[in-house]
PDB file of N, CA and C in Angstrom:
ATOM      1  N   MET A   1      -1.316 -16.821  30.194  1.00  0.00           N
ATOM      2  CA  MET A   1      -0.217 -15.742  29.619  1.00  0.00           C
ATOM      3  C   MET A   1       0.172 -15.400  28.130  1.00  0.00           C
ATOM      4  N   THR A   2       0.069 -14.416  27.586  1.00  0.00           N
ATOM      5  CA  THR A   2       0.174 -14.586  26.416  1.00  0.00           C
ATOM      6  C   THR A   2       1.626 -13.764  25.987  1.00  0.00           C
ATOM      7  N   GLU A   3       2.306 -14.538  24.805  1.00  0.00           N
ATOM      8  CA  GLU A   3       3.781 -14.816  24.983  1.00  0.00           C
ATOM      9  C   GLU A   3       4.132 -13.731  23.796  1.00  0.00           C
ATOM     10  N   ASP A   4       4.699 -12.389  23.762  1.00  0.00           N
ATOM     11  CA  ASP A   4       5.002 -11.284  22.759  1.00  0.00           C
ATOM     12  C   ASP A   4       6.182 -11.745  21.887  1.00  0.00           C
ATOM     13  N   LYS A   5       5.733 -11.835  20.414  1.00  0.00           N
ATOM     14  CA  LYS A   5       6.776 -12.734  19.724  1.00  0.00           C
ATOM     15  C   LYS A   5       7.379 -11.828  19.047  1.00  0.00           C
ATOM     16  N   ARG A   6       7.143 -10.127  19.030  1.00  0.00           N
ATOM     17  CA  ARG A   6       8.099  -9.378  18.781  1.00  0.00           C
ATOM     18  C   ARG A   6      10.050  -9.509  18.893  1.00  0.00           C
ATOM     19  N   ALA A   7      10.346  -9.504  17.833  1.00  0.00           N
ATOM     20  CA  ALA A   7      11.397  -9.361  18.099  1.00  0.00           C
ATOM     21  C   ALA A   7      12.649  -8.176  19.079  1.00  0.00           C
ATOM     22  N   ALA A   8      13.112  -8.648  19.799  1.00  0.00           N
ATOM     23  CA  ALA A   8      14.074  -7.309  20.950  1.00  0.00           C
ATOM     24  C   ALA A   8      14.082  -6.168  19.945  1.00  0.00           C
ATOM     25  N   GLY A   9      13.874  -5.455  20.697  1.00  0.00           N
ATOM     26  CA  GLY A   9      14.274  -3.754  19.857  1.00  0.00           C
ATOM     27  C   GLY A   9      13.143  -3.375  18.566  1.00  0.00           C
ATOM     28  N   SER A  10      12.281  -3.893  18.636  1.00  0.00           N
ATOM     29  CA  SER A  10      11.536  -3.944  17.215  1.00  0.00           C
ATOM     30  C   SER A  10      10.642  -2.452  18.133  1.00  0.00           C
ATOM     31  N   THR A  11       9.843  -2.379  17.064  1.00  0.00           N
ATOM     32  CA  THR A  11       8.723  -1.011  17.214  1.00  0.00           C
ATOM     33  C   THR A  11       7.806  -1.231  16.497  1.00  0.00           C
ATOM     34  N   ASP A  12       6.468  -0.322  17.126  1.00  0.00           N
ATOM     35  CA  ASP A  12       5.442  -0.255  16.904  1.00  0.00           C
ATOM     36  C   ASP A  12       4.961  -0.247  14.746  1.00  0.00           C
ATOM     37  N   ALA A  13       4.254  -0.711  14.366  1.00  0.00           N
ATOM     38  CA  ALA A  13       4.113  -0.553  12.787  1.00  0.00           C
ATOM     39  C   ALA A  13       4.236   0.855  12.672  1.00  0.00           C
ATOM     40  N   VAL A  14       4.447   1.276  11.575  1.00  0.00           N
ATOM     41  CA  VAL A  14       4.514   2.350  10.737  1.00  0.00           C
ATOM     42  C   VAL A  14       3.191   2.926  10.027  1.00  0.00           C
ATOM     43  N   HIS A  15       2.753   3.572  10.247  1.00  0.00           N
ATOM     44  CA  HIS A  15       1.676   3.884   9.074  1.00  0.00           C
ATOM     45  C   HIS A  15       2.059   4.988   8.012  1.00  0.00           C
ATOM     46  N   VAL A  16       1.910   4.466   6.819  1.00  0.00           N
ATOM     47  CA  VAL A  16       2.854   5.024   5.805  1.00  0.00           C
ATOM     48  C   VAL A  16       1.236   5.388   4.824  1.00  0.00           C
ATOM     49  N   GLU A  17       0.699   6.999   4.376  1.00  0.00           N
ATOM     50  CA  GLU A  17      -0.230   6.982   3.848  1.00  0.00           C
ATOM     51  C   GLU A  17       0.182   6.698   2.430  1.00  0.00           C
ATOM     52  N   HIS A  18      -0.822   6.379   1.564  1.00  0.00           N
ATOM     53  CA  HIS A  18      -0.976   5.413   0.323  1.00  0.00           C
ATOM     54  C   HIS A  18      -2.090   6.220  -0.505  1.00  0.00           C
ATOM     55  N   TRP A  19      -2.310   7.412  -1.277  1.00  0.00           N
ATOM     56  CA  TRP A  19      -2.928   7.377  -2.101  1.00  0.00           C
ATOM     57  C   TRP A  19      -3.026   7.262  -3.594  1.00  0.00           C
ATOM     58  N   CYS A  20      -4.360   7.169  -3.813  1.00  0.00           N
ATOM     59  CA  CYS A  20      -4.687   6.325  -4.980  1.00  0.00           C
ATOM     60  C   CYS A  20      -3.772   7.230  -6.116  1.00  0.00           C
ATOM     61  N   GLN A  21      -3.237   6.843  -7.176  1.00  0.00           N
ATOM     62  CA  GLN A  21      -1.833   7.689  -8.272  1.00  0.00           C
ATOM     63  C   GLN A  21      -2.982   7.908  -9.592  1.00  0.00           C
ATOM     64  N   ALA A  22      -4.388   7.222  -9.653  1.00  0.00           N
ATOM     65  CA  ALA A  22      -5.084   7.787 -10.526  1.00  0.00           C
ATOM     66  C   ALA A  22      -5.672   9.331 -10.571  1.00  0.00           C
ATOM     67  N   PRO A  23      -5.380   9.797 -11.828  1.00  0.00           N
ATOM     68  CA  PRO A  23      -5.667  11.461 -11.842  1.00  0.00           C
ATOM     69  C   PRO A  23      -6.563  12.025 -11.145  1.00  0.00           C
ATOM     70  N   GLY A  24      -6.861  12.612 -10.677  1.00  0.00           N
ATOM     71  CA  GLY A  24      -7.851  13.434  -9.961  1.00  0.00           C
ATOM     72  C   GLY A  24      -8.956  12.611  -8.436  1.00  0.00           C
ATOM     73  N   CYS A  25      -8.264  11.722  -8.435  1.00  0.00           N
ATOM     74  CA  CYS A  25      -8.641  10.263  -7.354  1.00  0.00           C
ATOM     75  C   CYS A  25      -8.291  11.036  -6.209  1.00  0.00           C
ATOM     76  N   LYS A  26      -9.062  10.923  -5.087  1.00  0.00           N
ATOM     77  CA  LYS A  26      -8.608  11.918  -3.945  1.00  0.00           C
ATOM     78  C   LYS A  26      -9.089  10.189  -3.061  1.00  0.00           C
ATOM     79  N   ARG A  27      -9.163   8.979  -3.058  1.00  0.00           N
ATOM     80  CA  ARG A  27      -9.286   8.101  -2.334  1.00  0.00           C
ATOM     81  C   ARG A  27      -7.791   7.329  -1.846  1.00  0.00           C
ATOM     82  N   TRP A  28      -8.182   6.321  -1.043  1.00  0.00           N
ATOM     83  CA  TRP A  28      -7.309   5.846  -0.266  1.00  0.00           C
ATOM     84  C   TRP A  28      -6.392   4.975  -1.311  1.00  0.00           C
ATOM     85  N   GLY A  29      -5.054   4.100  -1.571  1.00  0.00           N
ATOM     86  CA  GLY A  29      -4.529   3.767  -2.005  1.00  0.00           C
ATOM     87  C   GLY A  29      -4.500   2.075  -1.159  1.00  0.00           C
ATOM     88  N   CYS A  30      -5.399   1.769  -1.515  1.00  0.00           N
ATOM     89  CA  CYS A  30      -5.016   0.130  -0.741  1.00  0.00           C
ATOM     90  C   CYS A  30      -5.054  -0.830  -1.447  1.00  0.00           C
ATOM     91  N   PHE A  31      -4.492  -0.912  -2.582  1.00  0.00           N
ATOM     92  CA  PHE A  31      -3.976  -2.032  -3.206  1.00  0.00           C
ATOM     93  C   PHE A  31      -2.240  -1.344  -4.254  1.00  0.00           C
ATOM     94  N   GLY A  32      -1.644  -1.827  -3.393  1.00  0.00           N
ATOM     95  CA  GLY A  32       0.050  -1.800  -3.707  1.00  0.00           C
ATOM     96  C   GLY A  32       0.395  -2.466  -4.377  1.00  0.00           C
ATOM     97  N   TYR A  33       1.154  -2.322  -6.012  1.00  0.00           N
ATOM     98  CA  TYR A  33       1.724  -3.052  -6.926  1.00  0.00           C
ATOM     99  C   TYR A  33       3.143  -2.744  -7.116  1.00  0.00           C
ATOM    100  N   ASP A  34       4.278  -3.732  -6.904  1.00  0.00           N
ATOM    101  CA  ASP A  34       5.451  -3.370  -6.806  1.00  0.00           C
ATOM    102  C   ASP A  34       6.041  -3.068  -8.358  1.00  0.00           C
ATOM    103  N   LYS A  35       6.755  -1.793  -7.937  1.00  0.00           N
ATOM    104  CA  LYS A  35       7.151  -1.878  -8.908  1.00  0.00           C
ATOM    105  C   LYS A  35       8.644  -2.146  -9.569  1.00  0.00           C
ATOM    106  N   GLY A  36       9.570  -2.950  -8.503  1.00  0.00           N
ATOM    107  CA  GLY A  36      11.230  -2.958  -7.971  1.00  0.00           C
ATOM    108  C   GLY A  36      11.876  -1.817  -7.574  1.00  0.00           C
ATOM    109  N   LYS A  37      12.700  -2.398  -7.034  1.00  0.00           N
ATOM    110  CA  LYS A  37      13.500  -1.426  -6.679  1.00  0.00           C
ATOM    111  C   LYS A  37      13.049  -0.871  -5.537  1.00  0.00           C
ATOM    112  N   GLY A  38      12.277  -0.898  -4.628  1.00  0.00           N
ATOM    113  CA  GLY A  38      11.746  -0.792  -3.530  1.00  0.00           C
ATOM    114  C   GLY A  38      10.672   0.649  -3.857  1.00  0.00           C
ATOM    115  N   GLN A  39      10.009   0.350  -5.222  1.00  0.00           N
ATOM    116  CA  GLN A  39       9.001   1.586  -5.345  1.00  0.00           C
ATOM    117  C   GLN A  39       7.831   0.989  -5.781  1.00  0.00           C
ATOM    118  N   SER A  40       6.735   1.002  -5.130  1.00  0.00           N
ATOM    119  CA  SER A  40       5.426   1.003  -5.215  1.00  0.00           C
ATOM    120  C   SER A  40       4.199   1.727  -5.726  1.00  0.00           C
ATOM    121  N   ASP A  41       3.633   1.093  -6.829  1.00  0.00           N
ATOM    122  CA  ASP A  41       2.589   2.276  -7.343  1.00  0.00           C
ATOM    123  C   ASP A  41       1.078   1.633  -6.270  1.00  0.00           C
ATOM    124  N   TRP A  42       0.255   2.842  -5.734  1.00  0.00           N
ATOM    125  CA  TRP A  42      -0.873   2.640  -5.457  1.00  0.00           C
ATOM    126  C   TRP A  42      -1.861   3.521  -5.904  1.00  0.00           C
ATOM    127  N   TRP A  43      -3.562   2.119  -5.494  1.00  0.00           N
ATOM    128  CA  TRP A  43      -4.572   2.447  -6.109  1.00  0.00           C
ATOM    129  C   TRP A  43      -5.823   1.806  -5.574  1.00  0.00           C
ATOM    130  N   CYS A  44      -6.504   2.766  -5.980  1.00  0.00           N
ATOM    131  CA  CYS A  44      -7.977   2.617  -5.040  1.00  0.00           C
ATOM    132  C   CYS A  44      -8.484   1.027  -5.566  1.00  0.00           C
ATOM    133  N   GLY A  45      -9.575   1.036  -5.129  1.00  0.00           N
ATOM    134  CA  GLY A  45     -10.361  -0.344  -5.784  1.00  0.00           C
ATOM    135  C   GLY A  45     -10.986  -0.044  -7.611  1.00  0.00           C
ATOM    136  N   ASP A  46     -11.330   1.517  -7.443  1.00  0.00           N
ATOM    137  CA  ASP A  46     -11.722   1.593  -9.048  1.00  0.00           C
ATOM    138  C   ASP A  46     -10.595   1.641  -9.966  1.00  0.00           C
ATOM    139  N   HIS A  47      -9.321   1.829  -9.386  1.00  0.00           N
ATOM    140  CA  HIS A  47      -8.912   2.282 -10.241  1.00  0.00           C
ATOM    141  C   HIS A  47      -7.118   0.947 -10.505  1.00  0.00           C
ATOM    142  N   ARG A  48      -7.340   0.377  -9.957  1.00  0.00           N
ATOM    143  CA  ARG A  48      -6.338  -0.715 -10.028  1.00  0.00           C
ATOM    144  C   ARG A  48      -6.174  -1.368 -11.139  1.00  0.00           C
ATOM    145  N   PRO A  49      -4.857  -1.542 -11.466  1.00  0.00           N
ATOM    146  CA  PRO A  49      -4.216  -1.587 -13.191  1.00  0.00           C
ATOM    147  C   PRO A  49      -5.270  -2.719 -13.665  1.00  0.00           C
ATOM    148  N   ASP A  50      -5.502  -4.096 -12.904  1.00  0.00           N
ATOM    149  CA  ASP A  50      -5.684  -5.267 -13.438  1.00  0.00           C
ATOM    150  C   ASP A  50      -7.783  -5.034 -13.883  1.00  0.00           C
ATOM    151  N   ARG A  51      -8.349  -3.795 -13.161  1.00  0.00           N
ATOM    152  CA  ARG A  51      -9.626  -3.852 -13.700  1.00  0.00           C
ATOM    153  C   ARG A  51      -9.656  -2.528 -14.711  1.00  0.00           C
ATOM    154  N   MET A  52      -8.571  -1.597 -15.075  1.00  0.00           N
ATOM    155  CA  MET A  52      -8.794  -0.719 -15.766  1.00  0.00           C
ATOM    156  C   MET A  52      -7.458  -0.972 -17.227  1.00  0.00           C
ATOM    157  N   PRO A  53      -8.150  -1.176 -17.959  1.00  0.00           N
ATOM    158  CA  PRO A  53      -7.197  -1.724 -19.014  1.00  0.00           C
ATOM    159  C   PRO A  53      -6.325  -0.793 -20.426  1.00  0.00           C
ATOM    160  N   GLY A  54      -5.191  -0.906 -20.567  1.00  0.00           N
ATOM    161  CA  GLY A  54      -4.030   0.352 -20.999  1.00  0.00           C
ATOM    162  C   GLY A  54      -3.678   1.134 -19.979  1.00  0.00           C
ATOM    163  N   TYR A  55      -3.609   0.754 -18.462  1.00  0.00           N
ATOM    164  CA  TYR A  55      -3.167   1.696 -17.318  1.00  0.00           C
ATOM    165  C   TYR A  55      -1.902   1.397 -17.367  1.00  0.00           C
TER     166      TYR A  55
END
């Protein structure tokens, strides 16, 4: 028997769409970077900031 470890009253995960923020890019933003105060930047694998100097 499997034990359900979700909290009482919880719901399923919510899917939020995050697209790459690089100008002209239409790819999925799978890398999120916290900007603070509840804001995040989202980038695809080709445009993530640690791979693009000066971004």
